[in-house]
Amino acid sequence: MTRAPRQPDLFDGPTFDPKHDAERLGAQLAKVRDLMADGAWRTLDEIGAAVFAPGASVSARLRDLRKEKFGAFTVERRARGERSSGLFEYRVVKGAT
């Protein structure tokens, strides 16, 4: 397992407080990245259950993985089942597709 980013300035935003958030967000990011490294398709709930994080946090970490400073991964999304159900699944791949 890879270690979480240590630099508190990797994350940002108006509600980000390095003292309270840097370690937690770094650990979440590492867990999501490590889980998704296998290229499998998963819903936000499936990812969240595997890494013990809420779906909203998982969604944010997937967005982080798209950023250059976090590896510039490609995060793909597709409907699971009928598109009208609104359920999506995601997979992470390195580089552009």
PDB file of N, CA and C in Angstrom:
ATOM      1  N   MET A   1       0.843  -1.179   0.000  1.00  0.00           N
ATOM      2  CA  MET A   1       0.000   0.000   0.000  1.00  0.00           C
ATOM      3  C   MET A   1       0.889   1.244   0.000  1.00  0.00           C
ATOM      4  N   THR A   2       0.522   2.214  -0.798  1.00  0.00           N
ATOM      5  CA  THR A   2       1.307   3.442  -0.843  1.00  0.00           C
ATOM      6  C   THR A   2       0.876   4.379   0.270  1.00  0.00           C
ATOM      7  N   ARG A   3       1.775   5.246   0.627  1.00  0.00           N
ATOM      8  CA  ARG A   3       1.503   6.178   1.723  1.00  0.00           C
ATOM      9  C   ARG A   3       0.715   7.378   1.224  1.00  0.00           C
ATOM     10  N   ALA A   4       0.004   8.002   2.135  1.00  0.00           N
ATOM     11  CA  ALA A   4      -0.770   9.198   1.832  1.00  0.00           C
ATOM     12  C   ALA A   4       0.170  10.372   1.593  1.00  0.00           C
ATOM     13  N   PRO A   5      -0.254  11.349   0.779  1.00  0.00           N
ATOM     14  CA  PRO A   5       0.560  12.551   0.603  1.00  0.00           C
ATOM     15  C   PRO A   5       0.792  13.234   1.942  1.00  0.00           C
ATOM     16  N   ARG A   6       1.977  13.762   2.151  1.00  0.00           N
ATOM     17  CA  ARG A   6       2.304  14.401   3.433  1.00  0.00           C
ATOM     18  C   ARG A   6       2.169  15.914   3.387  1.00  0.00           C
ATOM     19  N   GLN A   7       2.268  16.509   2.209  1.00  0.00           N
ATOM     20  CA  GLN A   7       2.251  17.957   2.119  1.00  0.00           C
ATOM     21  C   GLN A   7       0.826  18.489   2.290  1.00  0.00           C
ATOM     22  N   PRO A   8       0.594  19.311   3.320  1.00  0.00           N
ATOM     23  CA  PRO A   8      -0.749  19.832   3.537  1.00  0.00           C
ATOM     24  C   PRO A   8      -1.238  20.734   2.415  1.00  0.00           C
ATOM     25  N   ASP A   9      -0.333  21.276   1.594  1.00  0.00           N
ATOM     26  CA  ASP A   9      -0.753  22.179   0.534  1.00  0.00           C
ATOM     27  C   ASP A   9      -1.226  21.432  -0.722  1.00  0.00           C
ATOM     28  N   LEU A  10      -1.219  20.115  -0.710  1.00  0.00           N
ATOM     29  CA  LEU A  10      -1.731  19.376  -1.861  1.00  0.00           C
ATOM     30  C   LEU A  10      -3.229  19.580  -2.018  1.00  0.00           C
ATOM     31  N   PHE A  11      -3.944  19.685  -0.922  1.00  0.00           N
ATOM     32  CA  PHE A  11      -5.376  19.916  -0.956  1.00  0.00           C
ATOM     33  C   PHE A  11      -5.632  21.395  -0.783  1.00  0.00           C
ATOM     34  N   ASP A  12      -6.798  21.846  -1.232  1.00  0.00           N
ATOM     35  CA  ASP A  12      -7.118  23.264  -1.113  1.00  0.00           C
ATOM     36  C   ASP A  12      -8.626  23.443  -1.078  1.00  0.00           C
ATOM     37  N   GLY A  13      -9.047  24.668  -1.080  1.00  0.00           N
ATOM     38  CA  GLY A  13     -10.468  24.989  -1.064  1.00  0.00           C
ATOM     39  C   GLY A  13     -10.813  25.824   0.151  1.00  0.00           C
ATOM     40  N   PRO A  14     -11.951  26.489   0.087  1.00  0.00           N
ATOM     41  CA  PRO A  14     -12.319  27.431   1.147  1.00  0.00           C
ATOM     42  C   PRO A  14     -12.567  26.769   2.506  1.00  0.00           C
ATOM     43  N   THR A  15     -12.932  25.507   2.539  1.00  0.00           N
ATOM     44  CA  THR A  15     -13.207  24.859   3.821  1.00  0.00           C
ATOM     45  C   THR A  15     -12.061  23.966   4.295  1.00  0.00           C
ATOM     46  N   PHE A  16     -10.994  23.888   3.517  1.00  0.00           N
ATOM     47  CA  PHE A  16      -9.861  23.030   3.867  1.00  0.00           C
ATOM     48  C   PHE A  16      -9.030  23.660   4.974  1.00  0.00           C
ATOM     49  N   ASP A  17      -8.811  22.896   6.038  1.00  0.00           N
ATOM     50  CA  ASP A  17      -7.954  23.311   7.149  1.00  0.00           C
ATOM     51  C   ASP A  17      -6.877  22.236   7.292  1.00  0.00           C
ATOM     52  N   PRO A  18      -5.637  22.556   6.919  1.00  0.00           N
ATOM     53  CA  PRO A  18      -4.574  21.546   6.946  1.00  0.00           C
ATOM     54  C   PRO A  18      -4.449  20.823   8.280  1.00  0.00           C
ATOM     55  N   LYS A  19      -4.635  21.550   9.365  1.00  0.00           N
ATOM     56  CA  LYS A  19      -4.497  20.960  10.694  1.00  0.00           C
ATOM     57  C   LYS A  19      -5.489  19.816  10.906  1.00  0.00           C
ATOM     58  N   HIS A  20      -6.683  19.966  10.391  1.00  0.00           N
ATOM     59  CA  HIS A  20      -7.734  18.983  10.629  1.00  0.00           C
ATOM     60  C   HIS A  20      -7.975  18.040   9.450  1.00  0.00           C
ATOM     61  N   ASP A  21      -7.614  18.470   8.255  1.00  0.00           N
ATOM     62  CA  ASP A  21      -8.035  17.736   7.061  1.00  0.00           C
ATOM     63  C   ASP A  21      -6.934  17.056   6.264  1.00  0.00           C
ATOM     64  N   ALA A  22      -5.711  17.532   6.327  1.00  0.00           N
ATOM     65  CA  ALA A  22      -4.657  17.038   5.439  1.00  0.00           C
ATOM     66  C   ALA A  22      -4.408  15.540   5.589  1.00  0.00           C
ATOM     67  N   GLU A  23      -4.245  15.084   6.796  1.00  0.00           N
ATOM     68  CA  GLU A  23      -3.944  13.664   7.010  1.00  0.00           C
ATOM     69  C   GLU A  23      -5.129  12.785   6.596  1.00  0.00           C
ATOM     70  N   ARG A  24      -6.334  13.193   6.984  1.00  0.00           N
ATOM     71  CA  ARG A  24      -7.535  12.416   6.667  1.00  0.00           C
ATOM     72  C   ARG A  24      -7.765  12.331   5.167  1.00  0.00           C
ATOM     73  N   LEU A  25      -7.669  13.469   4.471  1.00  0.00           N
ATOM     74  CA  LEU A  25      -7.893  13.470   3.026  1.00  0.00           C
ATOM     75  C   LEU A  25      -6.790  12.722   2.294  1.00  0.00           C
ATOM     76  N   GLY A  26      -5.565  12.861   2.760  1.00  0.00           N
ATOM     77  CA  GLY A  26      -4.459  12.129   2.157  1.00  0.00           C
ATOM     78  C   GLY A  26      -4.633  10.630   2.296  1.00  0.00           C
ATOM     79  N   ALA A  27      -5.083  10.195   3.456  1.00  0.00           N
ATOM     80  CA  ALA A  27      -5.318   8.767   3.678  1.00  0.00           C
ATOM     81  C   ALA A  27      -6.470   8.263   2.813  1.00  0.00           C
ATOM     82  N   GLN A  28      -7.547   9.058   2.723  1.00  0.00           N
ATOM     83  CA  GLN A  28      -8.670   8.672   1.857  1.00  0.00           C
ATOM     84  C   GLN A  28      -8.221   8.546   0.416  1.00  0.00           C
ATOM     85  N   LEU A  29      -7.464   9.521  -0.048  1.00  0.00           N
ATOM     86  CA  LEU A  29      -6.995   9.507  -1.429  1.00  0.00           C
ATOM     87  C   LEU A  29      -6.161   8.260  -1.708  1.00  0.00           C
ATOM     88  N   ALA A  30      -5.254   7.923  -0.805  1.00  0.00           N
ATOM     89  CA  ALA A  30      -4.409   6.744  -0.987  1.00  0.00           C
ATOM     90  C   ALA A  30      -5.248   5.475  -1.033  1.00  0.00           C
ATOM     91  N   LYS A  31      -6.253   5.376  -0.164  1.00  0.00           N
ATOM     92  CA  LYS A  31      -7.108   4.188  -0.141  1.00  0.00           C
ATOM     93  C   LYS A  31      -7.911   4.051  -1.429  1.00  0.00           C
ATOM     94  N   VAL A  32      -8.483   5.160  -1.890  1.00  0.00           N
ATOM     95  CA  VAL A  32      -9.267   5.117  -3.138  1.00  0.00           C
ATOM     96  C   VAL A  32      -8.359   4.782  -4.309  1.00  0.00           C
ATOM     97  N   ARG A  33      -7.207   5.425  -4.386  1.00  0.00           N
ATOM     98  CA  ARG A  33      -6.258   5.166  -5.480  1.00  0.00           C
ATOM     99  C   ARG A  33      -5.817   3.712  -5.472  1.00  0.00           C
ATOM    100  N   ASP A  34      -5.467   3.180  -4.317  1.00  0.00           N
ATOM    101  CA  ASP A  34      -4.998   1.798  -4.232  1.00  0.00           C
ATOM    102  C   ASP A  34      -6.099   0.813  -4.614  1.00  0.00           C
ATOM    103  N   LEU A  35      -7.313   1.049  -4.141  1.00  0.00           N
ATOM    104  CA  LEU A  35      -8.430   0.167  -4.484  1.00  0.00           C
ATOM    105  C   LEU A  35      -8.701   0.180  -5.979  1.00  0.00           C
ATOM    106  N   MET A  36      -8.712   1.373  -6.558  1.00  0.00           N
ATOM    107  CA  MET A  36      -9.104   1.516  -7.958  1.00  0.00           C
ATOM    108  C   MET A  36      -7.980   1.187  -8.932  1.00  0.00           C
ATOM    109  N   ALA A  37      -6.803   0.889  -8.428  1.00  0.00           N
ATOM    110  CA  ALA A  37      -5.655   0.574  -9.286  1.00  0.00           C
ATOM    111  C   ALA A  37      -5.871  -0.682 -10.121  1.00  0.00           C
ATOM    112  N   ASP A  38      -6.830  -1.520  -9.735  1.00  0.00           N
ATOM    113  CA  ASP A  38      -7.072  -2.745 -10.496  1.00  0.00           C
ATOM    114  C   ASP A  38      -7.909  -2.521 -11.748  1.00  0.00           C
ATOM    115  N   GLY A  39      -8.410  -1.303 -11.953  1.00  0.00           N
ATOM    116  CA  GLY A  39      -9.179  -0.979 -13.149  1.00  0.00           C
ATOM    117  C   GLY A  39     -10.602  -1.509 -13.149  1.00  0.00           C
ATOM    118  N   ALA A  40     -11.073  -2.031 -12.012  1.00  0.00           N
ATOM    119  CA  ALA A  40     -12.435  -2.565 -11.933  1.00  0.00           C
ATOM    120  C   ALA A  40     -13.452  -1.426 -11.854  1.00  0.00           C
ATOM    121  N   TRP A  41     -14.645  -1.686 -12.368  1.00  0.00           N
ATOM    122  CA  TRP A  41     -15.751  -0.739 -12.288  1.00  0.00           C
ATOM    123  C   TRP A  41     -16.435  -0.889 -10.926  1.00  0.00           C
ATOM    124  N   ARG A  42     -16.671   0.254 -10.248  1.00  0.00           N
ATOM    125  CA  ARG A  42     -17.335   0.259  -8.944  1.00  0.00           C
ATOM    126  C   ARG A  42     -18.209   1.500  -8.811  1.00  0.00           C
ATOM    127  N   THR A  43     -19.297   1.362  -8.075  1.00  0.00           N
ATOM    128  CA  THR A  43     -20.123   2.522  -7.754  1.00  0.00           C
ATOM    129  C   THR A  43     -19.471   3.283  -6.596  1.00  0.00           C
ATOM    130  N   LEU A  44     -19.945   4.505  -6.370  1.00  0.00           N
ATOM    131  CA  LEU A  44     -19.433   5.284  -5.241  1.00  0.00           C
ATOM    132  C   LEU A  44     -19.683   4.553  -3.927  1.00  0.00           C
ATOM    133  N   ASP A  45     -20.858   3.931  -3.797  1.00  0.00           N
ATOM    134  CA  ASP A  45     -21.156   3.194  -2.568  1.00  0.00           C
ATOM    135  C   ASP A  45     -20.225   2.002  -2.387  1.00  0.00           C
ATOM    136  N   GLU A  46     -19.907   1.305  -3.462  1.00  0.00           N
ATOM    137  CA  GLU A  46     -18.992   0.163  -3.373  1.00  0.00           C
ATOM    138  C   GLU A  46     -17.592   0.606  -2.970  1.00  0.00           C
ATOM    139  N   ILE A  47     -17.153   1.701  -3.555  1.00  0.00           N
ATOM    140  CA  ILE A  47     -15.831   2.235  -3.198  1.00  0.00           C
ATOM    141  C   ILE A  47     -15.845   2.672  -1.738  1.00  0.00           C
ATOM    142  N   GLY A  48     -16.887   3.406  -1.362  1.00  0.00           N
ATOM    143  CA  GLY A  48     -16.999   3.893   0.008  1.00  0.00           C
ATOM    144  C   GLY A  48     -16.993   2.773   1.036  1.00  0.00           C
ATOM    145  N   ALA A  49     -17.720   1.696   0.739  1.00  0.00           N
ATOM    146  CA  ALA A  49     -17.760   0.563   1.663  1.00  0.00           C
ATOM    147  C   ALA A  49     -16.381  -0.078   1.802  1.00  0.00           C
ATOM    148  N   ALA A  50     -15.640  -0.135   0.713  1.00  0.00           N
ATOM    149  CA  ALA A  50     -14.320  -0.772   0.733  1.00  0.00           C
ATOM    150  C   ALA A  50     -13.277   0.062   1.472  1.00  0.00           C
ATOM    151  N   VAL A  51     -13.418   1.393   1.407  1.00  0.00           N
ATOM    152  CA  VAL A  51     -12.412   2.261   2.031  1.00  0.00           C
ATOM    153  C   VAL A  51     -12.935   2.965   3.280  1.00  0.00           C
ATOM    154  N   PHE A  52     -14.160   2.619   3.691  1.00  0.00           N
ATOM    155  CA  PHE A  52     -14.778   3.191   4.892  1.00  0.00           C
ATOM    156  C   PHE A  52     -14.867   4.714   4.817  1.00  0.00           C
ATOM    157  N   ALA A  53     -15.462   5.199   3.707  1.00  0.00           N
ATOM    158  CA  ALA A  53     -15.633   6.639   3.507  1.00  0.00           C
ATOM    159  C   ALA A  53     -17.006   6.894   2.893  1.00  0.00           C
ATOM    160  N   PRO A  54     -17.594   8.046   3.173  1.00  0.00           N
ATOM    161  CA  PRO A  54     -18.885   8.384   2.581  1.00  0.00           C
ATOM    162  C   PRO A  54     -18.774   8.585   1.066  1.00  0.00           C
ATOM    163  N   GLY A  55     -19.881   8.361   0.375  1.00  0.00           N
ATOM    164  CA  GLY A  55     -19.898   8.505  -1.080  1.00  0.00           C
ATOM    165  C   GLY A  55     -19.451   9.869  -1.556  1.00  0.00           C
ATOM    166  N   ALA A  56     -19.847  10.929  -0.848  1.00  0.00           N
ATOM    167  CA  ALA A  56     -19.444  12.279  -1.246  1.00  0.00           C
ATOM    168  C   ALA A  56     -17.922  12.446  -1.174  1.00  0.00           C
ATOM    169  N   SER A  57     -17.305  11.850  -0.161  1.00  0.00           N
ATOM    170  CA  SER A  57     -15.849  11.916  -0.037  1.00  0.00           C
ATOM    171  C   SER A  57     -15.175  11.125  -1.155  1.00  0.00           C
ATOM    172  N   VAL A  58     -15.734   9.968  -1.472  1.00  0.00           N
ATOM    173  CA  VAL A  58     -15.190   9.151  -2.562  1.00  0.00           C
ATOM    174  C   VAL A  58     -15.260   9.922  -3.868  1.00  0.00           C
ATOM    175  N   SER A  59     -16.388  10.563  -4.132  1.00  0.00           N
ATOM    176  CA  SER A  59     -16.537  11.352  -5.343  1.00  0.00           C
ATOM    177  C   SER A  59     -15.475  12.458  -5.414  1.00  0.00           C
ATOM    178  N   ALA A  60     -15.240  13.111  -4.293  1.00  0.00           N
ATOM    179  CA  ALA A  60     -14.223  14.173  -4.244  1.00  0.00           C
ATOM    180  C   ALA A  60     -12.827  13.605  -4.487  1.00  0.00           C
ATOM    181  N   ARG A  61     -12.531  12.428  -3.921  1.00  0.00           N
ATOM    182  CA  ARG A  61     -11.212  11.839  -4.131  1.00  0.00           C
ATOM    183  C   ARG A  61     -11.039  11.405  -5.586  1.00  0.00           C
ATOM    184  N   LEU A  62     -12.098  10.920  -6.243  1.00  0.00           N
ATOM    185  CA  LEU A  62     -12.000  10.594  -7.665  1.00  0.00           C
ATOM    186  C   LEU A  62     -11.710  11.854  -8.477  1.00  0.00           C
ATOM    187  N   ARG A  63     -12.326  12.970  -8.123  1.00  0.00           N
ATOM    188  CA  ARG A  63     -12.024  14.232  -8.803  1.00  0.00           C
ATOM    189  C   ARG A  63     -10.572  14.631  -8.557  1.00  0.00           C
ATOM    190  N   ASP A  64     -10.090  14.428  -7.322  1.00  0.00           N
ATOM    191  CA  ASP A  64      -8.690  14.731  -7.025  1.00  0.00           C
ATOM    192  C   ASP A  64      -7.751  13.930  -7.917  1.00  0.00           C
ATOM    193  N   LEU A  65      -8.065  12.657  -8.126  1.00  0.00           N
ATOM    194  CA  LEU A  65      -7.180  11.802  -8.932  1.00  0.00           C
ATOM    195  C   LEU A  65      -7.029  12.306 -10.356  1.00  0.00           C
ATOM    196  N   ARG A  66      -7.972  13.081 -10.839  1.00  0.00           N
ATOM    197  CA  ARG A  66      -7.875  13.655 -12.193  1.00  0.00           C
ATOM    198  C   ARG A  66      -6.833  14.777 -12.257  1.00  0.00           C
ATOM    199  N   LYS A  67      -6.537  15.380 -11.123  1.00  0.00           N
ATOM    200  CA  LYS A  67      -5.622  16.528 -11.081  1.00  0.00           C
ATOM    201  C   LYS A  67      -4.182  16.091 -11.293  1.00  0.00           C
ATOM    202  N   GLU A  68      -3.432  16.930 -11.965  1.00  0.00           N
ATOM    203  CA  GLU A  68      -2.015  16.668 -12.240  1.00  0.00           C
ATOM    204  C   GLU A  68      -1.252  16.363 -10.950  1.00  0.00           C
ATOM    205  N   LYS A  69      -1.480  17.140  -9.913  1.00  0.00           N
ATOM    206  CA  LYS A  69      -0.722  16.970  -8.674  1.00  0.00           C
ATOM    207  C   LYS A  69      -1.016  15.654  -7.961  1.00  0.00           C
ATOM    208  N   PHE A  70      -2.074  14.946  -8.369  1.00  0.00           N
ATOM    209  CA  PHE A  70      -2.404  13.657  -7.777  1.00  0.00           C
ATOM    210  C   PHE A  70      -2.247  12.506  -8.760  1.00  0.00           C
ATOM    211  N   GLY A  71      -1.625  12.770  -9.897  1.00  0.00           N
ATOM    212  CA  GLY A  71      -1.321  11.698 -10.834  1.00  0.00           C
ATOM    213  C   GLY A  71      -1.966  11.796 -12.197  1.00  0.00           C
ATOM    214  N   ALA A  72      -2.877  12.736 -12.390  1.00  0.00           N
ATOM    215  CA  ALA A  72      -3.549  12.927 -13.676  1.00  0.00           C
ATOM    216  C   ALA A  72      -4.145  11.626 -14.219  1.00  0.00           C
ATOM    217  N   PHE A  73      -4.835  10.911 -13.348  1.00  0.00           N
ATOM    218  CA  PHE A  73      -5.487   9.680 -13.769  1.00  0.00           C
ATOM    219  C   PHE A  73      -6.718  10.011 -14.609  1.00  0.00           C
ATOM    220  N   THR A  74      -7.105   9.094 -15.451  1.00  0.00           N
ATOM    221  CA  THR A  74      -8.374   9.192 -16.150  1.00  0.00           C
ATOM    222  C   THR A  74      -9.403   8.450 -15.319  1.00  0.00           C
ATOM    223  N   VAL A  75     -10.478   9.132 -14.975  1.00  0.00           N
ATOM    224  CA  VAL A  75     -11.568   8.517 -14.226  1.00  0.00           C
ATOM    225  C   VAL A  75     -12.743   8.391 -15.191  1.00  0.00           C
ATOM    226  N   GLU A  76     -13.075   7.159 -15.512  1.00  0.00           N
ATOM    227  CA  GLU A  76     -14.159   6.901 -16.448  1.00  0.00           C
ATOM    228  C   GLU A  76     -15.454   6.652 -15.679  1.00  0.00           C
ATOM    229  N   ARG A  77     -16.570   7.022 -16.299  1.00  0.00           N
ATOM    230  CA  ARG A  77     -17.875   6.846 -15.685  1.00  0.00           C
ATOM    231  C   ARG A  77     -18.829   6.258 -16.715  1.00  0.00           C
ATOM    232  N   ARG A  78     -19.658   5.336 -16.266  1.00  0.00           N
ATOM    233  CA  ARG A  78     -20.702   4.788 -17.128  1.00  0.00           C
ATOM    234  C   ARG A  78     -21.903   4.408 -16.265  1.00  0.00           C
ATOM    235  N   ALA A  79     -23.043   4.337 -16.909  1.00  0.00           N
ATOM    236  CA  ALA A  79     -24.257   3.937 -16.196  1.00  0.00           C
ATOM    237  C   ALA A  79     -24.173   2.453 -15.868  1.00  0.00           C
ATOM    238  N   ARG A  80     -24.656   2.109 -14.702  1.00  0.00           N
ATOM    239  CA  ARG A  80     -24.808   0.698 -14.361  1.00  0.00           C
ATOM    240  C   ARG A  80     -26.293   0.381 -14.511  1.00  0.00           C
ATOM    241  N   GLY A  81     -26.601  -0.534 -15.393  1.00  0.00           N
ATOM    242  CA  GLY A  81     -27.998  -0.854 -15.666  1.00  0.00           C
ATOM    243  C   GLY A  81     -28.617   0.215 -16.551  1.00  0.00           C
ATOM    244  N   GLU A  82     -29.895   0.433 -16.358  1.00  0.00           N
ATOM    245  CA  GLU A  82     -30.614   1.439 -17.141  1.00  0.00           C
ATOM    246  C   GLU A  82     -30.112   2.837 -16.810  1.00  0.00           C
ATOM    247  N   ARG A  83     -29.818   3.601 -17.829  1.00  0.00           N
ATOM    248  CA  ARG A  83     -29.309   4.960 -17.634  1.00  0.00           C
ATOM    249  C   ARG A  83     -30.274   5.792 -16.799  1.00  0.00           C
ATOM    250  N   SER A  84     -31.565   5.556 -16.966  1.00  0.00           N
ATOM    251  CA  SER A  84     -32.576   6.333 -16.254  1.00  0.00           C
ATOM    252  C   SER A  84     -32.578   6.067 -14.742  1.00  0.00           C
ATOM    253  N   SER A  85     -31.891   5.016 -14.295  1.00  0.00           N
ATOM    254  CA  SER A  85     -31.834   4.733 -12.855  1.00  0.00           C
ATOM    255  C   SER A  85     -30.937   5.728 -12.127  1.00  0.00           C
ATOM    256  N   GLY A  86     -30.013   6.358 -12.847  1.00  0.00           N
ATOM    257  CA  GLY A  86     -29.113   7.330 -12.238  1.00  0.00           C
ATOM    258  C   GLY A  86     -27.954   6.725 -11.468  1.00  0.00           C
ATOM    259  N   LEU A  87     -27.758   5.412 -11.603  1.00  0.00           N
ATOM    260  CA  LEU A  87     -26.646   4.754 -10.905  1.00  0.00           C
ATOM    261  C   LEU A  87     -25.451   4.671 -11.851  1.00  0.00           C
ATOM    262  N   PHE A  88     -24.321   5.177 -11.391  1.00  0.00           N
ATOM    263  CA  PHE A  88     -23.108   5.179 -12.202  1.00  0.00           C
ATOM    264  C   PHE A  88     -22.009   4.391 -11.512  1.00  0.00           C
ATOM    265  N   GLU A  89     -21.098   3.900 -12.315  1.00  0.00           N
ATOM    266  CA  GLU A  89     -19.914   3.228 -11.798  1.00  0.00           C
ATOM    267  C   GLU A  89     -18.696   3.876 -12.430  1.00  0.00           C
ATOM    268  N   TYR A  90     -17.586   3.714 -11.746  1.00  0.00           N
ATOM    269  CA  TYR A  90     -16.347   4.412 -12.101  1.00  0.00           C
ATOM    270  C   TYR A  90     -15.188   3.437 -12.148  1.00  0.00           C
ATOM    271  N   ARG A  91     -14.212   3.781 -12.978  1.00  0.00           N
ATOM    272  CA  ARG A  91     -12.936   3.083 -12.938  1.00  0.00           C
ATOM    273  C   ARG A  91     -11.835   4.100 -13.188  1.00  0.00           C
ATOM    274  N   VAL A  92     -10.667   3.777 -12.689  1.00  0.00           N
ATOM    275  CA  VAL A  92      -9.523   4.685 -12.787  1.00  0.00           C
ATOM    276  C   VAL A  92      -8.458   4.003 -13.619  1.00  0.00           C
ATOM    277  N   VAL A  93      -7.953   4.742 -14.608  1.00  0.00           N
ATOM    278  CA  VAL A  93      -6.862   4.250 -15.437  1.00  0.00           C
ATOM    279  C   VAL A  93      -5.801   5.332 -15.518  1.00  0.00           C
ATOM    280  N   LYS A  94      -4.576   4.927 -15.681  1.00  0.00           N
ATOM    281  CA  LYS A  94      -3.485   5.893 -15.783  1.00  0.00           C
ATOM    282  C   LYS A  94      -3.422   6.428 -17.205  1.00  0.00           C
ATOM    283  N   GLY A  95      -3.375   7.730 -17.344  1.00  0.00           N
ATOM    284  CA  GLY A  95      -3.237   8.344 -18.643  1.00  0.00           C
ATOM    285  C   GLY A  95      -4.567   8.535 -19.348  1.00  0.00           C
ATOM    286  N   ALA A  96      -4.519   9.135 -20.506  1.00  0.00           N
ATOM    287  CA  ALA A  96      -5.722   9.424 -21.281  1.00  0.00           C
ATOM    288  C   ALA A  96      -6.179   8.207 -22.056  1.00  0.00           C
ATOM    289  N   THR A  97      -7.488   8.137 -22.254  1.00  0.00           N
ATOM    290  CA  THR A  97      -8.044   7.034 -23.052  1.00  0.00           C
ATOM    291  C   THR A  97      -8.519   7.539 -24.386  1.00  0.00           C
TER     292      THR A  97
END
